[in-house]
Amino acid sequence: MKGKIFMYMFVFALLLIVFQYVNSKNIFETYQEKMTKLIAKEQVLKDSINHLNKELKALKSELPQE
């Protein structure tokens, strides 16, 4: 009887560890996907800012000096 209890506890602990591993792996992959998307979006926004700054400088240079 005592041996079966330890066997069931071992199996339960093993299943719990496997569940935690799979859950952590999924959370990590989701985090990586979100970070990749945010980095790409940040790069697009930085490029837009640089483009707008260049246009602003061009327009300022066209204005008559007072």
PDB file of N, CA and C in Angstrom:
ATOM      1  N   MET A   1       0.827  -1.200   0.000  1.00  0.00           N
ATOM      2  CA  MET A   1       0.000   0.000   0.000  1.00  0.00           C
ATOM      3  C   MET A   1       0.866   1.257   0.000  1.00  0.00           C
ATOM      4  N   LYS A   2       1.893   1.245   0.855  1.00  0.00           N
ATOM      5  CA  LYS A   2       2.762   2.411   0.963  1.00  0.00           C
ATOM      6  C   LYS A   2       3.507   2.655  -0.351  1.00  0.00           C
ATOM      7  N   GLY A   3       3.903   1.584  -1.032  1.00  0.00           N
ATOM      8  CA  GLY A   3       4.616   1.707  -2.299  1.00  0.00           C
ATOM      9  C   GLY A   3       3.741   2.299  -3.384  1.00  0.00           C
ATOM     10  N   LYS A   4       2.460   1.943  -3.395  1.00  0.00           N
ATOM     11  CA  LYS A   4       1.540   2.488  -4.403  1.00  0.00           C
ATOM     12  C   LYS A   4       1.319   3.983  -4.190  1.00  0.00           C
ATOM     13  N   ILE A   5       1.234   4.386  -2.934  1.00  0.00           N
ATOM     14  CA  ILE A   5       1.040   5.812  -2.644  1.00  0.00           C
ATOM     15  C   ILE A   5       2.223   6.619  -3.162  1.00  0.00           C
ATOM     16  N   PHE A   6       3.449   6.118  -2.905  1.00  0.00           N
ATOM     17  CA  PHE A   6       4.624   6.829  -3.395  1.00  0.00           C
ATOM     18  C   PHE A   6       4.675   6.834  -4.920  1.00  0.00           C
ATOM     19  N   MET A   7       4.249   5.746  -5.538  1.00  0.00           N
ATOM     20  CA  MET A   7       4.230   5.689  -6.996  1.00  0.00           C
ATOM     21  C   MET A   7       3.236   6.721  -7.547  1.00  0.00           C
ATOM     22  N   TYR A   8       2.057   6.799  -6.980  1.00  0.00           N
ATOM     23  CA  TYR A   8       1.066   7.779  -7.431  1.00  0.00           C
ATOM     24  C   TYR A   8       1.556   9.212  -7.196  1.00  0.00           C
ATOM     25  N   MET A   9       2.207   9.440  -6.063  1.00  0.00           N
ATOM     26  CA  MET A   9       2.755  10.781  -5.799  1.00  0.00           C
ATOM     27  C   MET A   9       3.836  11.127  -6.814  1.00  0.00           C
ATOM     28  N   PHE A  10       4.665  10.154  -7.150  1.00  0.00           N
ATOM     29  CA  PHE A  10       5.712  10.384  -8.141  1.00  0.00           C
ATOM     30  C   PHE A  10       5.115  10.702  -9.507  1.00  0.00           C
ATOM     31  N   VAL A  11       4.116   9.922  -9.918  1.00  0.00           N
ATOM     32  CA  VAL A  11       3.462  10.158 -11.211  1.00  0.00           C
ATOM     33  C   VAL A  11       2.788  11.525 -11.216  1.00  0.00           C
ATOM     34  N   PHE A  12       2.102  11.865 -10.134  1.00  0.00           N
ATOM     35  CA  PHE A  12       1.449  13.176 -10.048  1.00  0.00           C
ATOM     36  C   PHE A  12       2.474  14.299 -10.131  1.00  0.00           C
ATOM     37  N   ALA A  13       3.587  14.165  -9.416  1.00  0.00           N
ATOM     38  CA  ALA A  13       4.631  15.188  -9.452  1.00  0.00           C
ATOM     39  C   ALA A  13       5.220  15.298 -10.854  1.00  0.00           C
ATOM     40  N   LEU A  14       5.430  14.183 -11.520  1.00  0.00           N
ATOM     41  CA  LEU A  14       5.968  14.184 -12.877  1.00  0.00           C
ATOM     42  C   LEU A  14       5.015  14.884 -13.838  1.00  0.00           C
ATOM     43  N   LEU A  15       3.727  14.590 -13.736  1.00  0.00           N
ATOM     44  CA  LEU A  15       2.732  15.254 -14.586  1.00  0.00           C
ATOM     45  C   LEU A  15       2.684  16.749 -14.314  1.00  0.00           C
ATOM     46  N   LEU A  16       2.798  17.124 -13.067  1.00  0.00           N
ATOM     47  CA  LEU A  16       2.795  18.535 -12.710  1.00  0.00           C
ATOM     48  C   LEU A  16       4.006  19.251 -13.304  1.00  0.00           C
ATOM     49  N   ILE A  17       5.166  18.619 -13.250  1.00  0.00           N
ATOM     50  CA  ILE A  17       6.380  19.216 -13.808  1.00  0.00           C
ATOM     51  C   ILE A  17       6.259  19.361 -15.327  1.00  0.00           C
ATOM     52  N   VAL A  18       5.727  18.340 -15.985  1.00  0.00           N
ATOM     53  CA  VAL A  18       5.543  18.414 -17.442  1.00  0.00           C
ATOM     54  C   VAL A  18       4.565  19.530 -17.783  1.00  0.00           C
ATOM     55  N   PHE A  19       3.478  19.640 -17.041  1.00  0.00           N
ATOM     56  CA  PHE A  19       2.511  20.715 -17.295  1.00  0.00           C
ATOM     57  C   PHE A  19       3.154  22.085 -17.134  1.00  0.00           C
ATOM     58  N   GLN A  20       3.931  22.276 -16.080  1.00  0.00           N
ATOM     59  CA  GLN A  20       4.592  23.562 -15.863  1.00  0.00           C
ATOM     60  C   GLN A  20       5.577  23.877 -16.978  1.00  0.00           C
ATOM     61  N   TYR A  21       6.295  22.873 -17.461  1.00  0.00           N
ATOM     62  CA  TYR A  21       7.253  23.084 -18.542  1.00  0.00           C
ATOM     63  C   TYR A  21       6.543  23.521 -19.817  1.00  0.00           C
ATOM     64  N   VAL A  22       5.484  22.812 -20.188  1.00  0.00           N
ATOM     65  CA  VAL A  22       4.749  23.142 -21.413  1.00  0.00           C
ATOM     66  C   VAL A  22       4.121  24.525 -21.294  1.00  0.00           C
ATOM     67  N   ASN A  23       3.554  24.835 -20.144  1.00  0.00           N
ATOM     68  CA  ASN A  23       2.930  26.134 -19.936  1.00  0.00           C
ATOM     69  C   ASN A  23       3.963  27.259 -20.036  1.00  0.00           C
ATOM     70  N   SER A  24       5.105  27.080 -19.431  1.00  0.00           N
ATOM     71  CA  SER A  24       6.163  28.091 -19.488  1.00  0.00           C
ATOM     72  C   SER A  24       6.670  28.269 -20.912  1.00  0.00           C
ATOM     73  N   LYS A  25       6.782  27.175 -21.624  1.00  0.00           N
ATOM     74  CA  LYS A  25       7.245  27.235 -23.018  1.00  0.00           C
ATOM     75  C   LYS A  25       6.258  28.040 -23.864  1.00  0.00           C
ATOM     76  N   ASN A  26       4.970  27.795 -23.690  1.00  0.00           N
ATOM     77  CA  ASN A  26       3.959  28.535 -24.447  1.00  0.00           C
ATOM     78  C   ASN A  26       3.976  30.020 -24.100  1.00  0.00           C
ATOM     79  N   ILE A  27       4.122  30.333 -22.839  1.00  0.00           N
ATOM     80  CA  ILE A  27       4.174  31.735 -22.421  1.00  0.00           C
ATOM     81  C   ILE A  27       5.395  32.414 -23.033  1.00  0.00           C
ATOM     82  N   PHE A  28       6.535  31.745 -23.015  1.00  0.00           N
ATOM     83  CA  PHE A  28       7.761  32.308 -23.577  1.00  0.00           C
ATOM     84  C   PHE A  28       7.621  32.544 -25.075  1.00  0.00           C
ATOM     85  N   GLU A  29       7.041  31.587 -25.808  1.00  0.00           N
ATOM     86  CA  GLU A  29       6.861  31.745 -27.253  1.00  0.00           C
ATOM     87  C   GLU A  29       5.912  32.899 -27.564  1.00  0.00           C
ATOM     88  N   THR A  30       4.850  33.030 -26.801  1.00  0.00           N
ATOM     89  CA  THR A  30       3.909  34.138 -26.994  1.00  0.00           C
ATOM     90  C   THR A  30       4.602  35.472 -26.744  1.00  0.00           C
ATOM     91  N   TYR A  31       5.415  35.534 -25.694  1.00  0.00           N
ATOM     92  CA  TYR A  31       6.157  36.743 -25.382  1.00  0.00           C
ATOM     93  C   TYR A  31       7.115  37.090 -26.517  1.00  0.00           C
ATOM     94  N   GLN A  32       7.796  36.097 -27.054  1.00  0.00           N
ATOM     95  CA  GLN A  32       8.737  36.337 -28.153  1.00  0.00           C
ATOM     96  C   GLN A  32       8.005  36.878 -29.380  1.00  0.00           C
ATOM     97  N   GLU A  33       6.844  36.327 -29.713  1.00  0.00           N
ATOM     98  CA  GLU A  33       6.066  36.798 -30.860  1.00  0.00           C
ATOM     99  C   GLU A  33       5.633  38.253 -30.664  1.00  0.00           C
ATOM    100  N   LYS A  34       5.162  38.570 -29.468  1.00  0.00           N
ATOM    101  CA  LYS A  34       4.742  39.944 -29.192  1.00  0.00           C
ATOM    102  C   LYS A  34       5.917  40.913 -29.304  1.00  0.00           C
ATOM    103  N   MET A  35       7.070  40.505 -28.778  1.00  0.00           N
ATOM    104  CA  MET A  35       8.244  41.373 -28.835  1.00  0.00           C
ATOM    105  C   MET A  35       8.690  41.587 -30.282  1.00  0.00           C
ATOM    106  N   THR A  36       8.640  40.550 -31.094  1.00  0.00           N
ATOM    107  CA  THR A  36       9.022  40.675 -32.503  1.00  0.00           C
ATOM    108  C   THR A  36       8.105  41.661 -33.216  1.00  0.00           C
ATOM    109  N   LYS A  37       6.813  41.544 -32.973  1.00  0.00           N
ATOM    110  CA  LYS A  37       5.855  42.461 -33.599  1.00  0.00           C
ATOM    111  C   LYS A  37       6.083  43.895 -33.133  1.00  0.00           C
ATOM    112  N   LEU A  38       6.323  44.077 -31.832  1.00  0.00           N
ATOM    113  CA  LEU A  38       6.535  45.425 -31.313  1.00  0.00           C
ATOM    114  C   LEU A  38       7.820  46.039 -31.836  1.00  0.00           C
ATOM    115  N   ILE A  39       8.868  45.243 -31.990  1.00  0.00           N
ATOM    116  CA  ILE A  39      10.127  45.758 -32.524  1.00  0.00           C
ATOM    117  C   ILE A  39       9.947  46.182 -33.973  1.00  0.00           C
ATOM    118  N   ALA A  40       9.218  45.389 -34.752  1.00  0.00           N
ATOM    119  CA  ALA A  40       8.958  45.743 -36.144  1.00  0.00           C
ATOM    120  C   ALA A  40       8.133  47.028 -36.227  1.00  0.00           C
ATOM    121  N   LYS A  41       7.131  47.144 -35.368  1.00  0.00           N
ATOM    122  CA  LYS A  41       6.288  48.350 -35.364  1.00  0.00           C
ATOM    123  C   LYS A  41       7.104  49.572 -34.958  1.00  0.00           C
ATOM    124  N   GLU A  42       7.991  49.408 -33.974  1.00  0.00           N
ATOM    125  CA  GLU A  42       8.846  50.506 -33.541  1.00  0.00           C
ATOM    126  C   GLU A  42       9.741  50.975 -34.686  1.00  0.00           C
ATOM    127  N   GLN A  43      10.282  50.039 -35.453  1.00  0.00           N
ATOM    128  CA  GLN A  43      11.153  50.403 -36.565  1.00  0.00           C
ATOM    129  C   GLN A  43      10.376  51.184 -37.624  1.00  0.00           C
ATOM    130  N   VAL A  44       9.157  50.760 -37.910  1.00  0.00           N
ATOM    131  CA  VAL A  44       8.321  51.475 -38.884  1.00  0.00           C
ATOM    132  C   VAL A  44       8.052  52.891 -38.398  1.00  0.00           C
ATOM    133  N   LEU A  45       7.739  53.035 -37.126  1.00  0.00           N
ATOM    134  CA  LEU A  45       7.453  54.367 -36.579  1.00  0.00           C
ATOM    135  C   LEU A  45       8.699  55.258 -36.598  1.00  0.00           C
ATOM    136  N   LYS A  46       9.866  54.700 -36.292  1.00  0.00           N
ATOM    137  CA  LYS A  46      11.101  55.479 -36.350  1.00  0.00           C
ATOM    138  C   LYS A  46      11.391  55.933 -37.774  1.00  0.00           C
ATOM    139  N   ASP A  47      11.165  55.042 -38.746  1.00  0.00           N
ATOM    140  CA  ASP A  47      11.366  55.417 -40.142  1.00  0.00           C
ATOM    141  C   ASP A  47      10.416  56.544 -40.541  1.00  0.00           C
ATOM    142  N   SER A  48       9.167  56.475 -40.075  1.00  0.00           N
ATOM    143  CA  SER A  48       8.192  57.523 -40.380  1.00  0.00           C
ATOM    144  C   SER A  48       8.629  58.856 -39.781  1.00  0.00           C
ATOM    145  N   ILE A  49       9.132  58.831 -38.564  1.00  0.00           N
ATOM    146  CA  ILE A  49       9.600  60.059 -37.917  1.00  0.00           C
ATOM    147  C   ILE A  49      10.771  60.651 -38.687  1.00  0.00           C
ATOM    148  N   ASN A  50      11.713  59.808 -39.092  1.00  0.00           N
ATOM    149  CA  ASN A  50      12.861  60.292 -39.859  1.00  0.00           C
ATOM    150  C   ASN A  50      12.416  60.896 -41.184  1.00  0.00           C
ATOM    151  N   HIS A  51      11.476  60.249 -41.851  1.00  0.00           N
ATOM    152  CA  HIS A  51      10.971  60.771 -43.119  1.00  0.00           C
ATOM    153  C   HIS A  51      10.286  62.127 -42.915  1.00  0.00           C
ATOM    154  N   LEU A  52       9.473  62.233 -41.876  1.00  0.00           N
ATOM    155  CA  LEU A  52       8.790  63.502 -41.606  1.00  0.00           C
ATOM    156  C   LEU A  52       9.777  64.605 -41.232  1.00  0.00           C
ATOM    157  N   ASN A  53      10.826  64.263 -40.497  1.00  0.00           N
ATOM    158  CA  ASN A  53      11.844  65.254 -40.164  1.00  0.00           C
ATOM    159  C   ASN A  53      12.558  65.758 -41.412  1.00  0.00           C
ATOM    160  N   LYS A  54      12.843  64.860 -42.345  1.00  0.00           N
ATOM    161  CA  LYS A  54      13.481  65.275 -43.603  1.00  0.00           C
ATOM    162  C   LYS A  54      12.568  66.200 -44.390  1.00  0.00           C
ATOM    163  N   GLU A  55      11.283  65.871 -44.450  1.00  0.00           N
ATOM    164  CA  GLU A  55      10.319  66.734 -45.143  1.00  0.00           C
ATOM    165  C   GLU A  55      10.232  68.098 -44.464  1.00  0.00           C
ATOM    166  N   LEU A  56      10.234  68.121 -43.142  1.00  0.00           N
ATOM    167  CA  LEU A  56      10.171  69.376 -42.399  1.00  0.00           C
ATOM    168  C   LEU A  56      11.389  70.239 -42.681  1.00  0.00           C
ATOM    169  N   LYS A  57      12.567  69.640 -42.709  1.00  0.00           N
ATOM    170  CA  LYS A  57      13.778  70.396 -43.022  1.00  0.00           C
ATOM    171  C   LYS A  57      13.727  70.954 -44.434  1.00  0.00           C
ATOM    172  N   ALA A  58      13.212  70.155 -45.370  1.00  0.00           N
ATOM    173  CA  ALA A  58      13.103  70.619 -46.750  1.00  0.00           C
ATOM    174  C   ALA A  58      12.134  71.802 -46.841  1.00  0.00           C
ATOM    175  N   LEU A  59      11.035  71.715 -46.130  1.00  0.00           N
ATOM    176  CA  LEU A  59      10.054  72.810 -46.176  1.00  0.00           C
ATOM    177  C   LEU A  59      10.601  74.060 -45.490  1.00  0.00           C
ATOM    178  N   LYS A  60      11.354  73.887 -44.410  1.00  0.00           N
ATOM    179  CA  LYS A  60      11.942  75.036 -43.737  1.00  0.00           C
ATOM    180  C   LYS A  60      12.961  75.734 -44.618  1.00  0.00           C
ATOM    181  N   SER A  61      13.683  74.960 -45.395  1.00  0.00           N
ATOM    182  CA  SER A  61      14.693  75.552 -46.268  1.00  0.00           C
ATOM    183  C   SER A  61      14.055  76.320 -47.411  1.00  0.00           C
ATOM    184  N   GLU A  62      12.824  75.967 -47.784  1.00  0.00           N
ATOM    185  CA  GLU A  62      12.117  76.659 -48.865  1.00  0.00           C
ATOM    186  C   GLU A  62      11.495  77.973 -48.405  1.00  0.00           C
ATOM    187  N   LEU A  63      11.285  78.145 -47.111  1.00  0.00           N
ATOM    188  CA  LEU A  63      10.680  79.371 -46.599  1.00  0.00           C
ATOM    189  C   LEU A  63      11.652  80.543 -46.790  1.00  0.00           C
ATOM    190  N   PRO A  64      11.094  81.713 -47.125  1.00  0.00           N
ATOM    191  CA  PRO A  64      11.974  82.888 -47.258  1.00  0.00           C
ATOM    192  C   PRO A  64      12.505  83.315 -45.877  1.00  0.00           C
ATOM    193  N   GLN A  65      13.749  83.679 -45.837  1.00  0.00           N
ATOM    194  CA  GLN A  65      14.378  84.119 -44.592  1.00  0.00           C
ATOM    195  C   GLN A  65      13.964  85.557 -44.304  1.00  0.00           C
ATOM    196  N   GLU A  66      13.647  85.866 -43.092  1.00  0.00           N
ATOM    197  CA  GLU A  66      13.228  87.229 -42.703  1.00  0.00           C
ATOM    198  C   GLU A  66      14.376  87.995 -42.120  1.00  0.00           C
TER     199      GLU A  66
END
